[in-house]
Amino acid sequence: MAHYQHSDAIDPTETNPEYRVTPPGAGHEHTDANVWLIAKFGLWLLISAIVIHVGMGFMFGMFVEQREETEQIFPLATGQERRLPDAPRLQQFPENELYEFRQREEGTLHSYGWIDREAGRIQIPIAEAMRLTVERGLPTRASQPEAAAPAPAGQVPADSSSGRTMERRR
């Protein structure tokens, strides 16, 4: 078997002399990075950042002045007062509104009043309603007249109405 040697192969003993020995007192290899080039790039980057930020500050100030000079007046709305947006709107003081809502509900639970005058419906305090319910009892199916009538022959409760209506099945 023949041993082939590539003609472009580099002999490790014939390397550049600057790579062989690190100069005495050097803290790093001088061939790895150019420190002055890195420092110049960092300095350029810092100066660019300062110039860009100052320019953005001036531009922001210009935009603020421009907005203050040109007040937007809509020609169709010049004669109208300012309108609030449609409900629901954000609550300004949600804690106060919740407190007031609970106070109104508490007042409703403990007072008499009309719900519907034409229908003759009134509201009574909750304690009175519970006392009357205990005295009179809850309504039952036997006390309802329409429940006492038997279903007509051949009809069964409908599935679509959960049994409230009757239908004929074959």
Protein backbone atom coordinates (compact mmCIF):
# COMPACT_ATOMS: atom_id res chain seq x y z
CA MET A 1 0.00 0.00 0.00
CA ALA A 2 1.41 3.33 -1.00
CA HIS A 3 1.59 6.32 1.28
CA TYR A 4 0.48 9.52 -0.40
CA GLN A 5 1.59 12.93 0.79
CA HIS A 6 -0.28 16.01 -0.28
CA SER A 7 1.90 18.67 -1.81
CA ASP A 8 0.05 21.53 -0.04
CA ALA A 9 0.56 20.07 3.43
CA ILE A 10 2.03 22.54 5.96
CA ASP A 11 4.96 21.44 8.00
CA PRO A 12 4.30 22.44 11.65
CA THR A 13 7.97 23.22 12.17
CA GLU A 14 7.96 25.83 9.42
CA THR A 15 5.33 28.15 10.95
CA ASN A 16 5.57 31.88 11.19
CA PRO A 17 8.13 32.97 13.82
CA GLU A 18 5.64 35.33 15.51
CA TYR A 19 3.49 32.34 16.51
CA ARG A 20 6.32 30.40 18.15
CA VAL A 21 7.07 32.55 21.18
CA THR A 22 4.92 34.95 23.20
CA PRO A 23 6.95 38.08 23.99
CA PRO A 24 7.95 38.48 27.65
CA GLY A 25 5.54 40.65 29.69
CA ALA A 26 2.62 40.13 27.30
CA GLY A 27 -0.74 39.50 28.95
CA HIS A 28 -2.26 38.08 25.81
CA GLU A 29 -1.16 36.86 22.45
CA HIS A 30 -0.68 39.84 20.19
CA THR A 31 -1.83 37.96 17.12
CA ASP A 32 -5.30 37.08 18.47
CA ALA A 33 -6.94 40.50 18.39
CA ASN A 34 -6.04 44.05 17.54
CA VAL A 35 -6.89 45.95 20.74
CA TRP A 36 -6.62 49.38 19.14
CA LEU A 37 -9.08 48.39 16.41
CA ILE A 38 -11.58 47.14 19.01
CA ALA A 39 -11.16 50.35 21.04
CA LYS A 40 -11.72 52.51 17.93
CA PHE A 41 -14.89 50.54 17.12
CA GLY A 42 -16.22 50.97 20.68
CA LEU A 43 -15.46 54.70 20.58
CA TRP A 44 -17.21 55.04 17.19
CA LEU A 45 -20.21 53.10 18.56
CA LEU A 46 -20.42 55.38 21.62
CA ILE A 47 -20.24 58.57 19.53
CA SER A 48 -22.89 57.23 17.13
CA ALA A 49 -25.23 56.36 20.01
CA ILE A 50 -24.86 59.84 21.52
CA VAL A 51 -25.52 61.56 18.18
CA ILE A 52 -28.58 59.37 17.49
CA HIS A 53 -30.09 59.98 20.95
CA VAL A 54 -29.56 63.74 20.76
CA GLY A 55 -31.14 63.78 17.29
CA MET A 56 -34.13 61.78 18.52
CA GLY A 57 -34.57 64.21 21.43
CA PHE A 58 -34.66 67.20 19.08
CA MET A 59 -37.09 65.41 16.76
CA PHE A 60 -39.41 64.53 19.68
CA GLY A 61 -39.41 68.17 20.80
CA MET A 62 -40.23 69.26 17.25
CA PHE A 63 -43.19 66.82 17.12
CA VAL A 64 -44.53 68.08 20.47
CA GLU A 65 -44.37 71.71 19.30
CA GLN A 66 -46.04 70.80 16.01
CA ARG A 67 -48.90 69.04 17.82
CA GLU A 68 -49.46 72.00 20.16
CA GLU A 69 -49.51 74.48 17.27
CA THR A 70 -52.05 72.59 15.17
CA GLU A 71 -55.10 71.83 17.29
CA GLN A 72 -57.35 69.42 15.41
CA ILE A 73 -60.77 70.94 14.94
CA PHE A 74 -63.22 68.85 13.02
CA PRO A 75 -65.38 71.11 10.87
CA LEU A 76 -68.57 69.12 11.35
CA ALA A 77 -68.23 69.10 15.14
CA THR A 78 -67.49 72.79 15.76
CA GLY A 79 -70.96 73.66 17.07
CA GLN A 80 -71.39 70.60 19.28
CA GLU A 81 -70.29 70.04 22.85
CA ARG A 82 -68.05 67.14 23.73
CA ARG A 83 -69.91 63.82 23.90
CA LEU A 84 -69.13 60.79 26.02
CA PRO A 85 -68.57 57.45 24.27
CA ASP A 86 -71.31 54.84 24.26
CA ALA A 87 -71.74 52.60 27.30
CA PRO A 88 -70.15 50.57 28.76
CA ARG A 89 -67.41 52.98 29.79
CA LEU A 90 -64.52 52.49 32.17
CA GLN A 91 -65.38 52.98 35.80
CA GLN A 92 -63.74 55.97 37.44
CA PHE A 93 -64.17 54.71 41.00
CA PRO A 94 -65.09 50.99 40.95
CA GLU A 95 -64.93 50.61 44.75
CA ASN A 96 -67.43 53.43 45.30
CA GLU A 97 -69.74 52.15 42.58
CA LEU A 98 -69.71 48.65 44.05
CA TYR A 99 -70.46 50.07 47.52
CA GLU A 100 -73.36 52.13 46.15
CA PHE A 101 -74.72 49.11 44.22
CA ARG A 102 -74.66 46.98 47.38
CA GLN A 103 -76.40 49.74 49.36
CA ARG A 104 -79.20 49.93 46.74
CA GLU A 105 -79.58 46.13 46.73
CA GLU A 106 -79.68 46.04 50.55
CA GLY A 107 -82.33 48.76 50.52
CA THR A 108 -84.39 46.74 48.01
CA LEU A 109 -84.19 43.62 50.18
CA HIS A 110 -85.52 45.41 53.27
CA SER A 111 -88.24 47.68 51.87
CA TYR A 112 -91.73 47.62 50.39
CA GLY A 113 -92.38 48.90 46.90
CA TRP A 114 -94.12 48.44 43.58
CA ILE A 115 -92.60 46.24 40.88
CA ASP A 116 -95.49 46.55 38.39
CA ARG A 117 -98.59 48.59 39.34
CA GLU A 118 -100.69 47.43 36.39
CA ALA A 119 -100.08 43.76 37.18
CA GLY A 120 -100.39 44.34 40.94
CA ARG A 121 -96.90 43.03 41.73
CA ILE A 122 -95.17 44.40 44.81
CA GLN A 123 -91.93 43.73 46.64
CA ILE A 124 -91.79 42.97 50.34
CA PRO A 125 -88.82 42.71 52.73
CA ILE A 126 -86.97 39.40 52.51
CA ALA A 127 -87.61 38.53 56.16
CA GLU A 128 -91.36 38.99 55.64
CA ALA A 129 -91.26 36.88 52.45
CA MET A 130 -89.50 34.03 54.28
CA ARG A 131 -92.01 34.19 57.17
CA LEU A 132 -94.97 34.04 54.76
CA THR A 133 -93.41 31.12 52.88
CA VAL A 134 -93.03 29.16 56.10
CA GLU A 135 -96.64 29.90 57.11
CA ARG A 136 -98.23 29.14 53.73
CA GLY A 137 -95.80 26.48 52.48
CA LEU A 138 -94.40 26.07 49.00
CA PRO A 139 -96.71 25.35 46.05
CA THR A 140 -96.93 21.70 44.96
CA ARG A 141 -98.11 20.02 41.76
CA ALA A 142 -101.26 18.81 43.45
CA SER A 143 -102.26 22.39 44.19
CA GLN A 144 -101.92 23.40 40.53
CA PRO A 145 -105.15 22.74 38.56
CA GLU A 146 -103.54 22.07 35.15
CA ALA A 147 -101.31 19.35 36.58
CA ALA A 148 -104.30 17.44 38.01
CA ALA A 149 -105.80 16.72 34.57
CA PRO A 150 -104.64 13.40 33.13
CA ALA A 151 -102.85 13.34 29.78
CA PRO A 152 -105.04 12.51 26.77
CA ALA A 153 -104.84 8.93 25.55
CA GLY A 154 -102.04 8.20 23.08
CA GLN A 155 -100.00 11.26 23.98
CA VAL A 156 -96.66 11.33 25.77
CA PRO A 157 -94.48 14.19 27.01
CA ALA A 158 -92.40 15.72 24.19
CA ASP A 159 -88.61 15.37 24.35
CA SER A 160 -88.02 18.79 22.84
CA SER A 161 -89.86 20.59 25.65
CA SER A 162 -88.52 18.53 28.56
CA GLY A 163 -92.00 17.16 29.20
CA ARG A 164 -93.90 20.45 29.36
CA THR A 165 -95.94 19.73 26.26
CA MET A 166 -97.56 16.54 25.01
CA GLU A 167 -97.26 14.95 21.58
CA ARG A 168 -98.79 11.93 19.85
CA ARG A 169 -96.44 9.04 19.10
CA ARG A 170 -97.03 5.90 17.08
